[in-house]
């Protein structure tokens, strides 16, 4: 039995600020700009690594 843990994540548009819970989409449905992935698991680790450099 494989146990998978779901990580709360969403994507946010860098231009209009639209948020979407579908993390598989790369581009905003409103304006077509790239959407960044925000995750409660990965985002703090990235910020910590960037601040230590």
Protein backbone atom coordinates (compact mmCIF):
# COMPACT_ATOMS: atom_id res chain seq x y z
CA UNK A 1 0.00 0.00 0.00
CA UNK A 2 1.38 3.36 -1.04
CA UNK A 3 0.45 6.33 1.10
CA UNK A 4 0.61 9.68 -0.60
CA UNK A 5 0.49 12.97 1.22
CA UNK A 6 -1.31 15.83 -0.45
CA UNK A 7 0.41 19.17 -0.19
CA UNK A 8 -1.82 22.26 -0.22
CA UNK A 9 -0.70 24.27 -3.21
CA UNK A 10 -2.05 26.83 -5.64
CA UNK A 11 -0.87 28.88 -8.59
CA UNK A 12 -0.91 32.66 -8.62
CA UNK A 13 -0.66 34.88 -11.70
CA UNK A 14 2.21 37.38 -11.67
CA UNK A 15 0.26 39.99 -13.65
CA UNK A 16 -3.37 40.05 -12.52
CA UNK A 17 -3.08 38.13 -9.22
CA UNK A 18 -5.62 35.44 -10.19
CA UNK A 19 -5.29 32.33 -8.00
CA UNK A 20 -6.09 28.80 -9.17
CA UNK A 21 -6.01 25.52 -7.26
CA UNK A 22 -5.27 23.53 -10.44
CA UNK A 23 -1.48 23.24 -10.13
CA UNK A 24 -1.16 21.54 -13.54
CA UNK A 25 -2.00 24.75 -15.41
CA UNK A 26 1.02 26.90 -16.28
CA UNK A 27 -0.75 29.96 -17.67
CA UNK A 28 -3.53 32.19 -16.33
CA UNK A 29 -7.02 31.65 -17.74
CA UNK A 30 -7.80 35.40 -17.47
CA UNK A 31 -4.76 37.12 -18.99
CA UNK A 32 -2.52 34.29 -20.29
CA UNK A 33 0.54 35.18 -18.18
CA UNK A 34 2.70 32.56 -16.42
CA UNK A 35 1.47 31.46 -12.99
CA UNK A 36 3.88 30.77 -10.12
CA UNK A 37 3.40 27.70 -7.94
CA UNK A 38 2.97 28.37 -4.22
CA UNK A 39 3.14 25.42 -1.85
CA UNK A 40 3.13 25.19 1.93
CA UNK A 41 5.88 22.55 1.69
CA UNK A 42 8.25 23.84 -1.00
CA UNK A 43 7.93 27.65 -0.70
CA UNK A 44 9.37 27.97 2.86
CA UNK A 45 12.36 25.75 1.89
CA UNK A 46 13.13 27.89 -1.16
CA UNK A 47 12.89 31.12 0.86
CA UNK A 48 15.18 29.65 3.53
CA UNK A 49 17.81 28.59 0.96
CA UNK A 50 17.70 31.99 -0.77
CA UNK A 51 18.08 33.93 2.47
CA UNK A 52 21.08 31.84 3.58
CA UNK A 53 23.09 32.75 0.45
